Amino acid sequence: MENESCSCENIDNHIVVTCSGAADLGFIADQVARKMALEKVCKMSCLALFATCSDEQIESFKTKNLKVIDGCNEDCAKKVMANRGIENYKYIRLTDLGYVKGKTLTSCMVVNEIYARIVN
């Protein structure tokens, strides 16, 4: 995936939304999104906000450059986007990158590896 840091654009237009589930891959997806926010690649937004906010807020989100990360094939974040009518986003599922739910070490090394694959 190409580098999509915000050096030439307003970071407010780049938002990452992620599954933050109880399984290892949900935790890792959350940590990757937090690293993206800390590194100023994008802002992080809460998946629950997308599920519960007003239609007006959803329309505002539709104008942003969104990245949606799911840990596993339950596709919780993707389902929230579909339920809210959001279709235009870049989608990453950690199991599609070869990580296995329930068998992936939740380490900084794994977070950094996935971050590099997504951002670079």
C-alpha atoms as a PDB file:
ATOM      1  CA  MET A   1       0.000   0.000   0.000  1.00  0.00           C
ATOM      2  CA  GLU A   2       1.355   3.433  -0.837  1.00  0.00           C
ATOM      3  CA  ASN A   3       2.481   5.857   1.847  1.00  0.00           C
ATOM      4  CA  GLU A   4      -0.504   7.984   2.735  1.00  0.00           C
ATOM      5  CA  SER A   5       0.885  10.230   5.438  1.00  0.00           C
ATOM      6  CA  CYS A   6      -0.615  13.663   5.733  1.00  0.00           C
ATOM      7  CA  SER A   7       2.430  15.790   4.966  1.00  0.00           C
ATOM      8  CA  CYS A   8       0.657  17.692   2.206  1.00  0.00           C
ATOM      9  CA  GLU A   9      -2.938  17.462   3.391  1.00  0.00           C
ATOM     10  CA  ASN A  10      -4.850  18.358   6.520  1.00  0.00           C
ATOM     11  CA  ILE A  11      -4.715  15.448   8.985  1.00  0.00           C
ATOM     12  CA  ASP A  12      -8.363  16.147   9.890  1.00  0.00           C
ATOM     13  CA  ASN A  13      -9.329  14.726   6.489  1.00  0.00           C
ATOM     14  CA  HIS A  14      -7.657  11.362   7.221  1.00  0.00           C
ATOM     15  CA  ILE A  15      -9.405   9.124   9.738  1.00  0.00           C
ATOM     16  CA  VAL A  16      -8.794   5.539  10.801  1.00  0.00           C
ATOM     17  CA  VAL A  17     -11.589   3.504  12.374  1.00  0.00           C
ATOM     18  CA  THR A  18     -10.904   0.080  13.783  1.00  0.00           C
ATOM     19  CA  CYS A  19     -12.257  -2.958  15.483  1.00  0.00           C
ATOM     20  CA  SER A  20     -10.974  -2.913  19.041  1.00  0.00           C
ATOM     21  CA  GLY A  21     -12.330  -6.326  19.927  1.00  0.00           C
ATOM     22  CA  ALA A  22     -11.435  -8.625  22.792  1.00  0.00           C
ATOM     23  CA  ALA A  23      -9.406 -11.037  20.648  1.00  0.00           C
ATOM     24  CA  ASP A  24      -5.721 -10.623  19.919  1.00  0.00           C
ATOM     25  CA  LEU A  25      -6.324  -9.243  16.421  1.00  0.00           C
ATOM     26  CA  GLY A  26      -8.817  -6.662  17.688  1.00  0.00           C
ATOM     27  CA  PHE A  27      -6.249  -5.466  20.214  1.00  0.00           C
ATOM     28  CA  ILE A  28      -3.561  -5.322  17.530  1.00  0.00           C
ATOM     29  CA  ALA A  29      -5.832  -3.462  15.088  1.00  0.00           C
ATOM     30  CA  ASP A  30      -6.534  -0.914  17.822  1.00  0.00           C
ATOM     31  CA  GLN A  31      -2.824  -0.499  18.564  1.00  0.00           C
ATOM     32  CA  VAL A  32      -2.002  -0.052  14.856  1.00  0.00           C
ATOM     33  CA  ALA A  33      -4.646   2.673  14.582  1.00  0.00           C
ATOM     34  CA  ARG A  34      -3.285   4.393  17.695  1.00  0.00           C
ATOM     35  CA  LYS A  35       0.220   4.298  16.216  1.00  0.00           C
ATOM     36  CA  MET A  36      -1.128   5.823  13.002  1.00  0.00           C
ATOM     37  CA  ALA A  37      -2.622   8.642  15.076  1.00  0.00           C
ATOM     38  CA  LEU A  38       0.543   9.136  17.155  1.00  0.00           C
ATOM     39  CA  GLU A  39       2.651   9.254  13.992  1.00  0.00           C
ATOM     40  CA  LYS A  40       0.199  11.796  12.546  1.00  0.00           C
ATOM     41  CA  VAL A  41      -0.668   9.601   9.578  1.00  0.00           C
ATOM     42  CA  CYS A  42      -4.323  10.205  10.436  1.00  0.00           C
ATOM     43  CA  LYS A  43      -6.724  10.821  13.284  1.00  0.00           C
ATOM     44  CA  MET A  44      -8.351   7.899  15.040  1.00  0.00           C
ATOM     45  CA  SER A  45     -12.082   7.761  15.548  1.00  0.00           C
ATOM     46  CA  CYS A  46     -14.148   5.423  17.666  1.00  0.00           C
ATOM     47  CA  LEU A  47     -16.079   2.690  15.866  1.00  0.00           C
ATOM     48  CA  ALA A  48     -18.914   3.106  18.373  1.00  0.00           C
ATOM     49  CA  LEU A  49     -19.226   6.748  17.306  1.00  0.00           C
ATOM     50  CA  PHE A  50     -19.851   5.636  13.726  1.00  0.00           C
ATOM     51  CA  ALA A  51     -22.497   3.211  14.990  1.00  0.00           C
ATOM     52  CA  THR A  52     -24.329   5.790  17.130  1.00  0.00           C
ATOM     53  CA  CYS A  53     -23.729   9.300  15.791  1.00  0.00           C
ATOM     54  CA  SER A  54     -26.236  11.466  13.950  1.00  0.00           C
ATOM     55  CA  ASP A  55     -26.892  11.224  10.236  1.00  0.00           C
ATOM     56  CA  GLU A  56     -25.365  14.698   9.913  1.00  0.00           C
ATOM     57  CA  GLN A  57     -22.100  13.472  11.438  1.00  0.00           C
ATOM     58  CA  ILE A  58     -22.134  10.441   9.141  1.00  0.00           C
ATOM     59  CA  GLU A  59     -22.474  12.714   6.117  1.00  0.00           C
ATOM     60  CA  SER A  60     -19.431  14.638   7.366  1.00  0.00           C
ATOM     61  CA  PHE A  61     -17.445  11.396   7.720  1.00  0.00           C
ATOM     62  CA  LYS A  62     -18.331  10.454   4.142  1.00  0.00           C
ATOM     63  CA  THR A  63     -16.242  13.414   2.922  1.00  0.00           C
ATOM     64  CA  LYS A  64     -13.102  12.149   4.712  1.00  0.00           C
ATOM     65  CA  ASN A  65     -10.309   9.840   3.616  1.00  0.00           C
ATOM     66  CA  LEU A  66     -11.263   6.813   5.736  1.00  0.00           C
ATOM     67  CA  LYS A  67      -9.288   3.701   6.571  1.00  0.00           C
ATOM     68  CA  VAL A  68     -11.196   0.868   8.228  1.00  0.00           C
ATOM     69  CA  ILE A  69      -9.322  -1.940   9.984  1.00  0.00           C
ATOM     70  CA  ASP A  70     -10.874  -5.213  11.109  1.00  0.00           C
ATOM     71  CA  GLY A  71      -8.977  -7.866  12.997  1.00  0.00           C
ATOM     72  CA  CYS A  72     -10.834 -10.933  11.778  1.00  0.00           C
ATOM     73  CA  ASN A  73     -13.528 -12.165   9.411  1.00  0.00           C
ATOM     74  CA  GLU A  74     -16.341 -11.104  11.758  1.00  0.00           C
ATOM     75  CA  ASP A  75     -15.909  -7.756   9.938  1.00  0.00           C
ATOM     76  CA  CYS A  76     -17.412  -5.666  12.745  1.00  0.00           C
ATOM     77  CA  ALA A  77     -16.031  -2.351  11.482  1.00  0.00           C
ATOM     78  CA  LYS A  78     -17.009  -3.125   7.900  1.00  0.00           C
ATOM     79  CA  LYS A  79     -20.568  -3.990   9.022  1.00  0.00           C
ATOM     80  CA  VAL A  80     -20.878  -0.706  10.934  1.00  0.00           C
ATOM     81  CA  MET A  81     -19.804   1.189   7.809  1.00  0.00           C
ATOM     82  CA  ALA A  82     -22.357  -0.699   5.696  1.00  0.00           C
ATOM     83  CA  ASN A  83     -25.109  -0.087   8.249  1.00  0.00           C
ATOM     84  CA  ARG A  84     -24.373   3.640   8.126  1.00  0.00           C
ATOM     85  CA  GLY A  85     -24.196   3.801   4.326  1.00  0.00           C
ATOM     86  CA  ILE A  86     -20.462   4.503   4.168  1.00  0.00           C
ATOM     87  CA  GLU A  87     -18.941   2.817   1.146  1.00  0.00           C
ATOM     88  CA  ASN A  88     -15.871   4.847   0.186  1.00  0.00           C
ATOM     89  CA  TYR A  89     -12.941   3.755   2.367  1.00  0.00           C
ATOM     90  CA  LYS A  90      -9.744   1.735   2.274  1.00  0.00           C
ATOM     91  CA  TYR A  91     -10.269  -1.596   4.015  1.00  0.00           C
ATOM     92  CA  ILE A  92      -7.748  -3.760   5.818  1.00  0.00           C
ATOM     93  CA  ARG A  93      -8.517  -7.093   7.518  1.00  0.00           C
ATOM     94  CA  LEU A  94      -5.616  -8.511   9.533  1.00  0.00           C
ATOM     95  CA  THR A  95      -6.529 -12.126   8.754  1.00  0.00           C
ATOM     96  CA  ASP A  96      -6.173 -11.236   5.050  1.00  0.00           C
ATOM     97  CA  LEU A  97      -2.581 -10.234   5.840  1.00  0.00           C
ATOM     98  CA  GLY A  98      -1.910 -13.731   7.216  1.00  0.00           C
ATOM     99  CA  TYR A  99      -2.469 -13.168  10.941  1.00  0.00           C
ATOM    100  CA  VAL A 100      -4.494 -15.802  12.787  1.00  0.00           C
ATOM    101  CA  LYS A 101      -7.147 -14.932  15.362  1.00  0.00           C
ATOM    102  CA  GLY A 102      -6.332 -16.474  18.719  1.00  0.00           C
ATOM    103  CA  LYS A 103      -2.769 -17.310  17.670  1.00  0.00           C
ATOM    104  CA  THR A 104      -1.095 -13.949  17.121  1.00  0.00           C
ATOM    105  CA  LEU A 105       1.296 -12.490  19.664  1.00  0.00           C
ATOM    106  CA  THR A 106       0.157  -9.047  20.843  1.00  0.00           C
ATOM    107  CA  SER A 107       3.597  -7.471  20.783  1.00  0.00           C
ATOM    108  CA  CYS A 108       5.064  -4.162  19.677  1.00  0.00           C
ATOM    109  CA  MET A 109       6.913  -6.081  16.977  1.00  0.00           C
ATOM    110  CA  VAL A 110       3.649  -7.314  15.429  1.00  0.00           C
ATOM    111  CA  VAL A 111       2.023  -3.867  15.725  1.00  0.00           C
ATOM    112  CA  ASN A 112       5.031  -2.240  14.028  1.00  0.00           C
ATOM    113  CA  GLU A 113       5.067  -4.899  11.296  1.00  0.00           C
ATOM    114  CA  ILE A 114       1.399  -4.340  10.457  1.00  0.00           C
ATOM    115  CA  TYR A 115       1.772  -0.561  10.689  1.00  0.00           C
ATOM    116  CA  ALA A 116       4.599  -0.706   8.143  1.00  0.00           C
ATOM    117  CA  ARG A 117       2.515  -2.857   5.804  1.00  0.00           C
ATOM    118  CA  ILE A 118      -0.435  -0.474   5.979  1.00  0.00           C
ATOM    119  CA  VAL A 119       1.346   2.871   5.872  1.00  0.00           C
ATOM    120  CA  ASN A 120       4.283   2.148   3.536  1.00  0.00           C
END
